[in-house]
Amino acid sequence: MTDRRANLLQGTLDLLILKALSTGELHGLGVSRRGEQLTGGTFVAQPGSLFPALHRLEEAGWLEADWQPSENNRRAKYYRLTRAGKKQLGEETAQWNRIALAIARALEA
């Protein structure tokens, strides 16, 4: 049986993280689950790539985070989009749409 889950390229992972957080704050595992949900299970962010990406986006100023109790009463870092993160989501979405259209055209040729 072929694994339908694809590896995430860095830019794709960043876009999915921003999109996952566009509806509100989530902890790291919640970001992963939301991304999987948004892609119908096609993309699953593994912790080894997810947490460095969250840290990178926070360093870039696109995310803010603070520690809060999770659903199971453990401390978890919750992330939310900043104003700059919302702007970045719009820019990356537009760029992704241009790339997807170009690839679709190439495949039709």
C-alpha atoms as a PDB file:
ATOM      1  CA  MET A   1       0.000   0.000   0.000  1.00  0.00           C
ATOM      2  CA  THR A   2       1.378   3.400  -0.979  1.00  0.00           C
ATOM      3  CA  ASP A   3       1.593   6.058   1.718  1.00  0.00           C
ATOM      4  CA  ARG A   4      -0.619   8.946   0.590  1.00  0.00           C
ATOM      5  CA  ARG A   5       1.072  11.364   2.956  1.00  0.00           C
ATOM      6  CA  ALA A   6       3.575  13.627   1.250  1.00  0.00           C
ATOM      7  CA  ASN A   7       6.685  15.234   2.657  1.00  0.00           C
ATOM      8  CA  LEU A   8       6.354  18.961   3.142  1.00  0.00           C
ATOM      9  CA  LEU A   9       8.667  21.420   1.504  1.00  0.00           C
ATOM     10  CA  GLN A  10       9.644  24.298   3.790  1.00  0.00           C
ATOM     11  CA  GLY A  11       7.555  26.903   1.967  1.00  0.00           C
ATOM     12  CA  THR A  12       4.548  24.605   1.869  1.00  0.00           C
ATOM     13  CA  LEU A  13       4.852  23.881   5.576  1.00  0.00           C
ATOM     14  CA  ASP A  14       5.084  27.593   6.364  1.00  0.00           C
ATOM     15  CA  LEU A  15       1.965  28.279   4.310  1.00  0.00           C
ATOM     16  CA  LEU A  16       0.031  25.463   5.988  1.00  0.00           C
ATOM     17  CA  ILE A  17       1.049  26.678   9.445  1.00  0.00           C
ATOM     18  CA  LEU A  18      -0.098  30.216   8.642  1.00  0.00           C
ATOM     19  CA  LYS A  19      -3.367  28.895   7.207  1.00  0.00           C
ATOM     20  CA  ALA A  20      -3.943  26.584  10.190  1.00  0.00           C
ATOM     21  CA  LEU A  21      -3.572  29.540  12.543  1.00  0.00           C
ATOM     22  CA  SER A  22      -5.778  31.847  10.474  1.00  0.00           C
ATOM     23  CA  THR A  23      -8.864  30.767  12.432  1.00  0.00           C
ATOM     24  CA  GLY A  24      -7.345  31.207  15.883  1.00  0.00           C
ATOM     25  CA  GLU A  25      -4.589  30.167  18.231  1.00  0.00           C
ATOM     26  CA  LEU A  26      -3.436  26.565  18.526  1.00  0.00           C
ATOM     27  CA  HIS A  27      -0.674  24.649  20.250  1.00  0.00           C
ATOM     28  CA  GLY A  28       1.888  22.782  18.144  1.00  0.00           C
ATOM     29  CA  LEU A  29      -0.009  19.500  17.976  1.00  0.00           C
ATOM     30  CA  GLY A  30      -3.177  21.434  17.145  1.00  0.00           C
ATOM     31  CA  VAL A  31      -1.371  23.144  14.251  1.00  0.00           C
ATOM     32  CA  SER A  32      -0.317  19.734  12.924  1.00  0.00           C
ATOM     33  CA  ARG A  33      -3.832  18.300  13.263  1.00  0.00           C
ATOM     34  CA  ARG A  34      -5.420  21.351  11.609  1.00  0.00           C
ATOM     35  CA  GLY A  35      -2.978  21.165   8.682  1.00  0.00           C
ATOM     36  CA  GLU A  36      -3.751  17.476   8.242  1.00  0.00           C
ATOM     37  CA  GLN A  37      -7.464  18.262   8.385  1.00  0.00           C
ATOM     38  CA  LEU A  38      -7.161  21.097   5.842  1.00  0.00           C
ATOM     39  CA  THR A  39      -5.371  18.817   3.364  1.00  0.00           C
ATOM     40  CA  GLY A  40      -7.599  15.794   3.859  1.00  0.00           C
ATOM     41  CA  GLY A  41      -4.726  13.864   5.416  1.00  0.00           C
ATOM     42  CA  THR A  42      -2.368  14.406   2.480  1.00  0.00           C
ATOM     43  CA  PHE A  43       0.126  16.478   4.463  1.00  0.00           C
ATOM     44  CA  VAL A  44       1.161  15.629   8.000  1.00  0.00           C
ATOM     45  CA  ALA A  45       3.746  17.829   9.668  1.00  0.00           C
ATOM     46  CA  GLN A  46       6.159  15.758  11.717  1.00  0.00           C
ATOM     47  CA  PRO A  47       7.437  17.291  14.987  1.00  0.00           C
ATOM     48  CA  GLY A  48      11.002  17.373  13.651  1.00  0.00           C
ATOM     49  CA  SER A  49       9.973  19.825  10.944  1.00  0.00           C
ATOM     50  CA  LEU A  50       6.929  21.456  12.573  1.00  0.00           C
ATOM     51  CA  PHE A  51       8.554  22.862  15.703  1.00  0.00           C
ATOM     52  CA  PRO A  52      11.589  24.382  13.944  1.00  0.00           C
ATOM     53  CA  ALA A  53       9.159  25.953  11.449  1.00  0.00           C
ATOM     54  CA  LEU A  54       6.996  27.393  14.240  1.00  0.00           C
ATOM     55  CA  HIS A  55      10.115  28.830  15.862  1.00  0.00           C
ATOM     56  CA  ARG A  56      11.309  30.274  12.518  1.00  0.00           C
ATOM     57  CA  LEU A  57       7.924  31.927  11.877  1.00  0.00           C
ATOM     58  CA  GLU A  58       7.898  33.333  15.399  1.00  0.00           C
ATOM     59  CA  GLU A  59      11.401  34.747  14.860  1.00  0.00           C
ATOM     60  CA  ALA A  60      10.205  36.301  11.585  1.00  0.00           C
ATOM     61  CA  GLY A  61       7.456  38.113  13.502  1.00  0.00           C
ATOM     62  CA  TRP A  62       4.626  36.236  11.788  1.00  0.00           C
ATOM     63  CA  LEU A  63       3.574  34.383  14.945  1.00  0.00           C
ATOM     64  CA  GLU A  64       3.270  35.223  18.621  1.00  0.00           C
ATOM     65  CA  ALA A  65       3.193  32.570  21.313  1.00  0.00           C
ATOM     66  CA  ASP A  66       2.703  32.083  25.014  1.00  0.00           C
ATOM     67  CA  TRP A  67       2.505  29.171  27.415  1.00  0.00           C
ATOM     68  CA  GLN A  68      -0.961  28.044  28.534  1.00  0.00           C
ATOM     69  CA  PRO A  69      -2.549  24.898  29.966  1.00  0.00           C
ATOM     70  CA  SER A  70      -3.660  22.477  27.248  1.00  0.00           C
ATOM     71  CA  GLU A  71      -6.841  20.382  27.162  1.00  0.00           C
ATOM     72  CA  ASN A  72      -5.113  17.701  29.267  1.00  0.00           C
ATOM     73  CA  ASN A  73      -3.854  20.316  31.760  1.00  0.00           C
ATOM     74  CA  ARG A  74      -0.238  20.256  30.562  1.00  0.00           C
ATOM     75  CA  ARG A  75       1.657  23.391  29.648  1.00  0.00           C
ATOM     76  CA  ALA A  76       1.711  23.956  25.905  1.00  0.00           C
ATOM     77  CA  LYS A  77       2.940  26.805  23.749  1.00  0.00           C
ATOM     78  CA  TYR A  78       0.002  28.362  21.895  1.00  0.00           C
ATOM     79  CA  TYR A  79       0.656  30.192  18.634  1.00  0.00           C
ATOM     80  CA  ARG A  80      -1.354  32.900  16.894  1.00  0.00           C
ATOM     81  CA  LEU A  81      -0.877  35.003  13.776  1.00  0.00           C
ATOM     82  CA  THR A  82       0.392  38.549  14.071  1.00  0.00           C
ATOM     83  CA  ARG A  83      -0.718  41.297  11.701  1.00  0.00           C
ATOM     84  CA  ALA A  84       2.473  40.629   9.715  1.00  0.00           C
ATOM     85  CA  GLY A  85       1.605  36.921   9.699  1.00  0.00           C
ATOM     86  CA  LYS A  86      -1.819  37.627   8.220  1.00  0.00           C
ATOM     87  CA  LYS A  87      -0.180  39.734   5.520  1.00  0.00           C
ATOM     88  CA  GLN A  88       2.358  36.984   4.859  1.00  0.00           C
ATOM     89  CA  LEU A  89      -0.433  34.412   4.553  1.00  0.00           C
ATOM     90  CA  GLY A  90      -2.033  36.550   1.836  1.00  0.00           C
ATOM     91  CA  GLU A  91       1.258  36.944  -0.030  1.00  0.00           C
ATOM     92  CA  GLU A  92       2.150  33.264   0.192  1.00  0.00           C
ATOM     93  CA  THR A  93      -1.352  32.216  -0.864  1.00  0.00           C
ATOM     94  CA  ALA A  94      -1.114  34.422  -3.959  1.00  0.00           C
ATOM     95  CA  GLN A  95       2.342  33.048  -4.764  1.00  0.00           C
ATOM     96  CA  TRP A  96       1.183  29.444  -4.295  1.00  0.00           C
ATOM     97  CA  ASN A  97      -1.816  30.064  -6.584  1.00  0.00           C
ATOM     98  CA  ARG A  98       0.521  31.440  -9.297  1.00  0.00           C
ATOM     99  CA  ILE A  99       2.816  28.425  -8.983  1.00  0.00           C
ATOM    100  CA  ALA A 100      -0.062  25.930  -9.011  1.00  0.00           C
ATOM    101  CA  LEU A 101      -1.526  27.546 -12.134  1.00  0.00           C
ATOM    102  CA  ALA A 102       1.845  27.477 -13.902  1.00  0.00           C
ATOM    103  CA  ILE A 103       2.376  23.794 -13.065  1.00  0.00           C
ATOM    104  CA  ALA A 104      -1.170  22.936 -14.170  1.00  0.00           C
ATOM    105  CA  ARG A 105      -0.531  24.683 -17.494  1.00  0.00           C
ATOM    106  CA  ALA A 106       2.757  22.834 -17.934  1.00  0.00           C
ATOM    107  CA  LEU A 107       1.077  19.482 -17.284  1.00  0.00           C
ATOM    108  CA  GLU A 108      -1.670  20.230 -19.803  1.00  0.00           C
ATOM    109  CA  ALA A 109       0.848  21.086 -22.537  1.00  0.00           C
END
